Amino acid sequence: MLEAQVIKDALLYLGAKKQDEQAISLLEKVLKEYRPLFCPRQVTAFFRVKDAKDALTFEGCEITLEGESIRKHFQGATEGLFSAFTLGMALDKKLRELSLSHPAESVALNALGSAYAERMADKLLKEVRDQKEAQGFKTTFRFCPGYGDLALSANTQIAAALGATKKIGLTVTESGLLLPIKSIVGVTACLPL
């Protein structure tokens, strides 16, 4: 079931039509061959909102989130669920290798990696969100640095607060990009019901 959804999503990343049999065949072949390289890992933590006036700050960590869009996202929230997810470096390495030897497979694998990362990150995060909702909270969708006016540089603060480098091998470049490239960092607002 997940693989069918990933292929459907990957078709969108490629800009292909749902019935493009050639693209579907390539995606199926590449997914079957390289699926073992997808090594999903996630780290999460809850931090209580300390201040939400000019910028969002949180107790017990060095995270400051600035921007109107993130303040709106957190309106009424008492906690933030911070998460970092990655598929790992093996996939990055294979993408580089294939880009030189089999460019079409590299493009297909890149699309599959993006689709799989989104689906799996959502699945793993949903498990944590469900636990919080069982405790009487409403949770929002995952809001990632780069959305709205939340700067990519917030990736650095979130990854550091989560210990993402040590725990799951995720690092952040000086410009705020994530390595491995099939990684996701974000925050979900938790509002008491």
C-alpha atoms as a PDB file:
ATOM      1  CA  MET A   1       0.000   0.000   0.000  1.00  0.00           C
ATOM      2  CA  LEU A   2       2.725   2.483   0.990  1.00  0.00           C
ATOM      3  CA  GLU A   3       4.753   1.646  -2.120  1.00  0.00           C
ATOM      4  CA  ALA A   4       1.773   2.343  -4.405  1.00  0.00           C
ATOM      5  CA  GLN A   5       1.260   5.720  -2.708  1.00  0.00           C
ATOM      6  CA  VAL A   6       4.970   6.515  -3.006  1.00  0.00           C
ATOM      7  CA  ILE A   7       4.962   5.738  -6.735  1.00  0.00           C
ATOM      8  CA  LYS A   8       1.841   7.874  -7.221  1.00  0.00           C
ATOM      9  CA  ASP A   9       3.486  10.764  -5.338  1.00  0.00           C
ATOM     10  CA  ALA A  10       6.781  10.300  -7.214  1.00  0.00           C
ATOM     11  CA  LEU A  11       4.904  10.650 -10.515  1.00  0.00           C
ATOM     12  CA  LEU A  12       3.807  14.098  -9.346  1.00  0.00           C
ATOM     13  CA  TYR A  13       7.399  15.038  -8.461  1.00  0.00           C
ATOM     14  CA  LEU A  14       8.410  13.980 -11.969  1.00  0.00           C
ATOM     15  CA  GLY A  15       5.565  15.932 -13.556  1.00  0.00           C
ATOM     16  CA  ALA A  16       4.342  12.725 -15.205  1.00  0.00           C
ATOM     17  CA  LYS A  17       0.741  11.731 -15.822  1.00  0.00           C
ATOM     18  CA  LYS A  18      -0.938   9.055 -13.681  1.00  0.00           C
ATOM     19  CA  GLN A  19      -1.136   6.714 -16.664  1.00  0.00           C
ATOM     20  CA  ASP A  20       2.457   7.200 -17.912  1.00  0.00           C
ATOM     21  CA  GLU A  21       3.362   3.493 -18.073  1.00  0.00           C
ATOM     22  CA  GLN A  22       7.011   4.149 -18.934  1.00  0.00           C
ATOM     23  CA  ALA A  23       7.496   6.384 -15.879  1.00  0.00           C
ATOM     24  CA  ILE A  24       5.587   3.964 -13.647  1.00  0.00           C
ATOM     25  CA  SER A  25       7.696   1.057 -14.857  1.00  0.00           C
ATOM     26  CA  LEU A  26      10.929   2.952 -14.176  1.00  0.00           C
ATOM     27  CA  LEU A  27       9.756   4.008 -10.706  1.00  0.00           C
ATOM     28  CA  GLU A  28       8.718   0.445  -9.825  1.00  0.00           C
ATOM     29  CA  LYS A  29      12.066  -0.951 -10.990  1.00  0.00           C
ATOM     30  CA  VAL A  30      14.089   1.669  -9.128  1.00  0.00           C
ATOM     31  CA  LEU A  31      12.032   1.346  -5.941  1.00  0.00           C
ATOM     32  CA  LYS A  32      12.402  -2.424  -5.933  1.00  0.00           C
ATOM     33  CA  GLU A  33      16.165  -2.233  -6.454  1.00  0.00           C
ATOM     34  CA  TYR A  34      17.024   0.635  -4.097  1.00  0.00           C
ATOM     35  CA  ARG A  35      14.296   0.496  -1.428  1.00  0.00           C
ATOM     36  CA  PRO A  36      16.745  -1.106   1.071  1.00  0.00           C
ATOM     37  CA  LEU A  37      18.685   2.195   1.047  1.00  0.00           C
ATOM     38  CA  PHE A  38      15.747   4.005   2.655  1.00  0.00           C
ATOM     39  CA  CYS A  39      16.555   3.937   6.385  1.00  0.00           C
ATOM     40  CA  PRO A  40      13.935   6.098   8.133  1.00  0.00           C
ATOM     41  CA  ARG A  41      14.981   7.584  11.456  1.00  0.00           C
ATOM     42  CA  GLN A  42      13.216  10.198  13.540  1.00  0.00           C
ATOM     43  CA  VAL A  43      13.755  12.119  16.745  1.00  0.00           C
ATOM     44  CA  THR A  44      11.052  14.185  18.460  1.00  0.00           C
ATOM     45  CA  ALA A  45      10.673  16.317  21.574  1.00  0.00           C
ATOM     46  CA  PHE A  46       8.034  18.489  23.194  1.00  0.00           C
ATOM     47  CA  PHE A  47       8.918  21.954  24.467  1.00  0.00           C
ATOM     48  CA  ARG A  48       6.516  24.261  26.300  1.00  0.00           C
ATOM     49  CA  VAL A  49       5.900  27.706  24.813  1.00  0.00           C
ATOM     50  CA  LYS A  50       7.676  30.304  26.957  1.00  0.00           C
ATOM     51  CA  ASP A  51       6.846  33.481  25.026  1.00  0.00           C
ATOM     52  CA  ALA A  52       4.853  34.175  21.868  1.00  0.00           C
ATOM     53  CA  LYS A  53       4.793  37.976  21.656  1.00  0.00           C
ATOM     54  CA  ASP A  54       7.412  39.027  19.118  1.00  0.00           C
ATOM     55  CA  ALA A  55       8.959  35.615  18.500  1.00  0.00           C
ATOM     56  CA  LEU A  56       8.196  32.133  19.786  1.00  0.00           C
ATOM     57  CA  THR A  57      10.549  30.870  22.461  1.00  0.00           C
ATOM     58  CA  PHE A  58      10.378  27.572  24.284  1.00  0.00           C
ATOM     59  CA  GLU A  59      11.352  26.303  27.717  1.00  0.00           C
ATOM     60  CA  GLY A  60      14.314  23.948  27.999  1.00  0.00           C
ATOM     61  CA  CYS A  61      15.868  24.699  24.611  1.00  0.00           C
ATOM     62  CA  GLU A  62      17.525  27.406  22.532  1.00  0.00           C
ATOM     63  CA  ILE A  63      14.819  27.659  19.860  1.00  0.00           C
ATOM     64  CA  THR A  64      13.496  31.055  18.769  1.00  0.00           C
ATOM     65  CA  LEU A  65      11.053  31.010  15.865  1.00  0.00           C
ATOM     66  CA  GLU A  66      10.432  34.351  14.187  1.00  0.00           C
ATOM     67  CA  GLY A  67       7.806  35.309  11.648  1.00  0.00           C
ATOM     68  CA  GLU A  68       4.142  36.109  11.406  1.00  0.00           C
ATOM     69  CA  SER A  69       3.233  32.760   9.809  1.00  0.00           C
ATOM     70  CA  ILE A  70       4.683  30.652  12.652  1.00  0.00           C
ATOM     71  CA  ARG A  71       3.085  32.902  15.293  1.00  0.00           C
ATOM     72  CA  LYS A  72      -0.298  32.370  13.601  1.00  0.00           C
ATOM     73  CA  HIS A  73       0.382  28.632  13.435  1.00  0.00           C
ATOM     74  CA  PHE A  74       1.014  28.612  17.205  1.00  0.00           C
ATOM     75  CA  GLN A  75      -1.920  30.823  18.220  1.00  0.00           C
ATOM     76  CA  GLY A  76      -3.324  29.334  21.444  1.00  0.00           C
ATOM     77  CA  ALA A  77      -0.662  26.605  21.640  1.00  0.00           C
ATOM     78  CA  THR A  78       1.011  25.698  24.925  1.00  0.00           C
ATOM     79  CA  GLU A  79       3.595  23.283  23.504  1.00  0.00           C
ATOM     80  CA  GLY A  80       5.507  22.553  20.347  1.00  0.00           C
ATOM     81  CA  LEU A  81       6.238  19.062  19.046  1.00  0.00           C
ATOM     82  CA  PHE A  82       9.588  19.346  17.289  1.00  0.00           C
ATOM     83  CA  SER A  83      10.668  16.616  14.887  1.00  0.00           C
ATOM     84  CA  ALA A  84      13.580  15.716  12.653  1.00  0.00           C
ATOM     85  CA  PHE A  85      13.425  12.882  10.126  1.00  0.00           C
ATOM     86  CA  THR A  86      15.897  11.444   7.629  1.00  0.00           C
ATOM     87  CA  LEU A  87      16.238   8.569   5.184  1.00  0.00           C
ATOM     88  CA  GLY A  88      20.024   8.480   5.725  1.00  0.00           C
ATOM     89  CA  MET A  89      23.256   9.035   3.826  1.00  0.00           C
ATOM     90  CA  ALA A  90      23.244   5.759   1.854  1.00  0.00           C
ATOM     91  CA  LEU A  91      20.508   7.183  -0.370  1.00  0.00           C
ATOM     92  CA  ASP A  92      22.499  10.404  -0.960  1.00  0.00           C
ATOM     93  CA  LYS A  93      25.530   8.367  -1.982  1.00  0.00           C
ATOM     94  CA  LYS A  94      23.519   6.255  -4.432  1.00  0.00           C
ATOM     95  CA  LEU A  95      21.905   9.357  -5.948  1.00  0.00           C
ATOM     96  CA  ARG A  96      25.377  10.793  -6.660  1.00  0.00           C
ATOM     97  CA  GLU A  97      26.580   7.518  -8.193  1.00  0.00           C
ATOM     98  CA  LEU A  98      23.513   7.117 -10.396  1.00  0.00           C
ATOM     99  CA  SER A  99      23.649  10.735 -11.574  1.00  0.00           C
ATOM    100  CA  LEU A 100      26.901   9.849 -13.354  1.00  0.00           C
ATOM    101  CA  SER A 101      26.086   6.352 -14.591  1.00  0.00           C
ATOM    102  CA  HIS A 102      22.267   6.169 -14.926  1.00  0.00           C
ATOM    103  CA  PRO A 103      20.746   9.672 -14.896  1.00  0.00           C
ATOM    104  CA  ALA A 104      17.163   8.501 -15.476  1.00  0.00           C
ATOM    105  CA  GLU A 105      17.387   6.159 -12.494  1.00  0.00           C
ATOM    106  CA  SER A 106      18.888   8.967 -10.416  1.00  0.00           C
ATOM    107  CA  VAL A 107      15.965  11.257 -11.234  1.00  0.00           C
ATOM    108  CA  ALA A 108      13.490   8.457 -10.447  1.00  0.00           C
ATOM    109  CA  LEU A 109      15.241   7.600  -7.176  1.00  0.00           C
ATOM    110  CA  ASN A 110      15.310  11.255  -6.182  1.00  0.00           C
ATOM    111  CA  ALA A 111      11.544  11.534  -6.733  1.00  0.00           C
ATOM    112  CA  LEU A 112      10.918   8.268  -4.881  1.00  0.00           C
ATOM    113  CA  GLY A 113      13.104   9.390  -1.978  1.00  0.00           C
ATOM    114  CA  SER A 114      11.206  12.656  -1.666  1.00  0.00           C
ATOM    115  CA  ALA A 115       7.840  10.909  -1.808  1.00  0.00           C
ATOM    116  CA  TYR A 116       8.872   8.186   0.640  1.00  0.00           C
ATOM    117  CA  ALA A 117      10.398  10.701   3.080  1.00  0.00           C
ATOM    118  CA  GLU A 118       7.195  12.762   3.160  1.00  0.00           C
ATOM    119  CA  ARG A 119       4.927   9.735   3.619  1.00  0.00           C
ATOM    120  CA  MET A 120       7.109   8.069   6.260  1.00  0.00           C
ATOM    121  CA  ALA A 121       7.771  11.285   8.189  1.00  0.00           C
ATOM    122  CA  ASP A 122       4.011  11.900   8.261  1.00  0.00           C
ATOM    123  CA  LYS A 123       3.362   8.326   9.441  1.00  0.00           C
ATOM    124  CA  LEU A 124       5.935   8.427  12.237  1.00  0.00           C
ATOM    125  CA  LEU A 125       4.884  11.895  13.353  1.00  0.00           C
ATOM    126  CA  LYS A 126       1.214  10.850  13.379  1.00  0.00           C
ATOM    127  CA  GLU A 127       2.009   8.201  15.981  1.00  0.00           C
ATOM    128  CA  VAL A 128       3.469  10.860  18.303  1.00  0.00           C
ATOM    129  CA  ARG A 129       0.628  13.311  17.553  1.00  0.00           C
ATOM    130  CA  ASP A 130      -1.970  10.613  18.309  1.00  0.00           C
ATOM    131  CA  GLN A 131      -0.402  10.082  21.751  1.00  0.00           C
ATOM    132  CA  LYS A 132      -0.577  13.824  22.463  1.00  0.00           C
ATOM    133  CA  GLU A 133      -4.176  14.012  21.268  1.00  0.00           C
ATOM    134  CA  ALA A 134      -5.045  11.130  23.611  1.00  0.00           C
ATOM    135  CA  GLN A 135      -3.783  13.395  26.424  1.00  0.00           C
ATOM    136  CA  GLY A 136      -6.366  16.068  25.501  1.00  0.00           C
ATOM    137  CA  PHE A 137      -4.529  18.197  22.945  1.00  0.00           C
ATOM    138  CA  LYS A 138      -5.276  19.216  19.396  1.00  0.00           C
ATOM    139  CA  THR A 139      -2.252  19.172  17.104  1.00  0.00           C
ATOM    140  CA  THR A 140      -1.654  21.080  13.899  1.00  0.00           C
ATOM    141  CA  PHE A 141       0.190  20.007  10.752  1.00  0.00           C
ATOM    142  CA  ARG A 142       4.001  19.975  10.668  1.00  0.00           C
ATOM    143  CA  PHE A 143       5.292  23.477   9.900  1.00  0.00           C
ATOM    144  CA  CYS A 144       8.794  23.443   8.449  1.00  0.00           C
ATOM    145  CA  PRO A 145      11.458  26.139   8.191  1.00  0.00           C
ATOM    146  CA  GLY A 146      11.065  27.682   4.749  1.00  0.00           C
ATOM    147  CA  TYR A 147       7.245  27.770   5.008  1.00  0.00           C
ATOM    148  CA  GLY A 148       5.781  31.272   5.002  1.00  0.00           C
ATOM    149  CA  ASP A 149       8.249  33.681   6.545  1.00  0.00           C
ATOM    150  CA  LEU A 150       9.938  31.137   8.860  1.00  0.00           C
ATOM    151  CA  ALA A 151      13.604  31.252   7.838  1.00  0.00           C
ATOM    152  CA  LEU A 152      15.530  28.110   6.863  1.00  0.00           C
ATOM    153  CA  SER A 153      18.040  29.045   9.562  1.00  0.00           C
ATOM    154  CA  ALA A 154      15.518  27.710  12.114  1.00  0.00           C
ATOM    155  CA  ASN A 155      16.583  24.232  10.961  1.00  0.00           C
ATOM    156  CA  THR A 156      19.875  24.741  12.821  1.00  0.00           C
ATOM    157  CA  GLN A 157      18.194  25.560  16.142  1.00  0.00           C
ATOM    158  CA  ILE A 158      15.670  22.732  15.909  1.00  0.00           C
ATOM    159  CA  ALA A 159      18.233  20.114  14.896  1.00  0.00           C
ATOM    160  CA  ALA A 160      20.542  21.210  17.729  1.00  0.00           C
ATOM    161  CA  ALA A 161      17.747  21.124  20.344  1.00  0.00           C
ATOM    162  CA  LEU A 162      16.799  17.610  19.231  1.00  0.00           C
ATOM    163  CA  GLY A 163      20.387  16.342  19.095  1.00  0.00           C
ATOM    164  CA  ALA A 164      19.602  15.274  15.545  1.00  0.00           C
ATOM    165  CA  THR A 165      23.221  14.921  14.422  1.00  0.00           C
ATOM    166  CA  LYS A 166      24.098  12.450  17.152  1.00  0.00           C
ATOM    167  CA  LYS A 167      20.754  10.644  17.258  1.00  0.00           C
ATOM    168  CA  ILE A 168      19.849  10.268  13.567  1.00  0.00           C
ATOM    169  CA  GLY A 169      22.829  11.603  11.578  1.00  0.00           C
ATOM    170  CA  LEU A 170      21.084  14.768  10.349  1.00  0.00           C
ATOM    171  CA  THR A 171      23.154  17.934   9.941  1.00  0.00           C
ATOM    172  CA  VAL A 172      22.345  21.445   8.770  1.00  0.00           C
ATOM    173  CA  THR A 173      24.516  23.453   6.360  1.00  0.00           C
ATOM    174  CA  GLU A 174      25.398  27.114   6.937  1.00  0.00           C
ATOM    175  CA  SER A 175      22.591  28.087   4.551  1.00  0.00           C
ATOM    176  CA  GLY A 176      20.032  26.021   6.509  1.00  0.00           C
ATOM    177  CA  LEU A 177      19.778  23.074   4.114  1.00  0.00           C
ATOM    178  CA  LEU A 178      19.521  19.555   5.522  1.00  0.00           C
ATOM    179  CA  LEU A 179      21.942  16.677   5.013  1.00  0.00           C
ATOM    180  CA  PRO A 180      21.139  13.929   4.150  1.00  0.00           C
ATOM    181  CA  ILE A 181      19.049  15.604   1.484  1.00  0.00           C
ATOM    182  CA  LYS A 182      15.982  13.430   2.103  1.00  0.00           C
ATOM    183  CA  SER A 183      15.397  14.905   5.555  1.00  0.00           C
ATOM    184  CA  ILE A 184      12.598  16.933   7.137  1.00  0.00           C
ATOM    185  CA  VAL A 185      12.629  19.204  10.185  1.00  0.00           C
ATOM    186  CA  GLY A 186       9.489  20.805  11.546  1.00  0.00           C
ATOM    187  CA  VAL A 187       7.264  21.773  14.424  1.00  0.00           C
ATOM    188  CA  THR A 188       3.669  20.942  15.257  1.00  0.00           C
ATOM    189  CA  ALA A 189       1.676  23.186  17.586  1.00  0.00           C
ATOM    190  CA  CYS A 190      -0.125  21.505  20.494  1.00  0.00           C
ATOM    191  CA  LEU A 191      -3.256  23.252  21.754  1.00  0.00           C
ATOM    192  CA  PRO A 192      -5.167  22.189  24.865  1.00  0.00           C
ATOM    193  CA  LEU A 193      -8.785  21.286  24.148  1.00  0.00           C
END
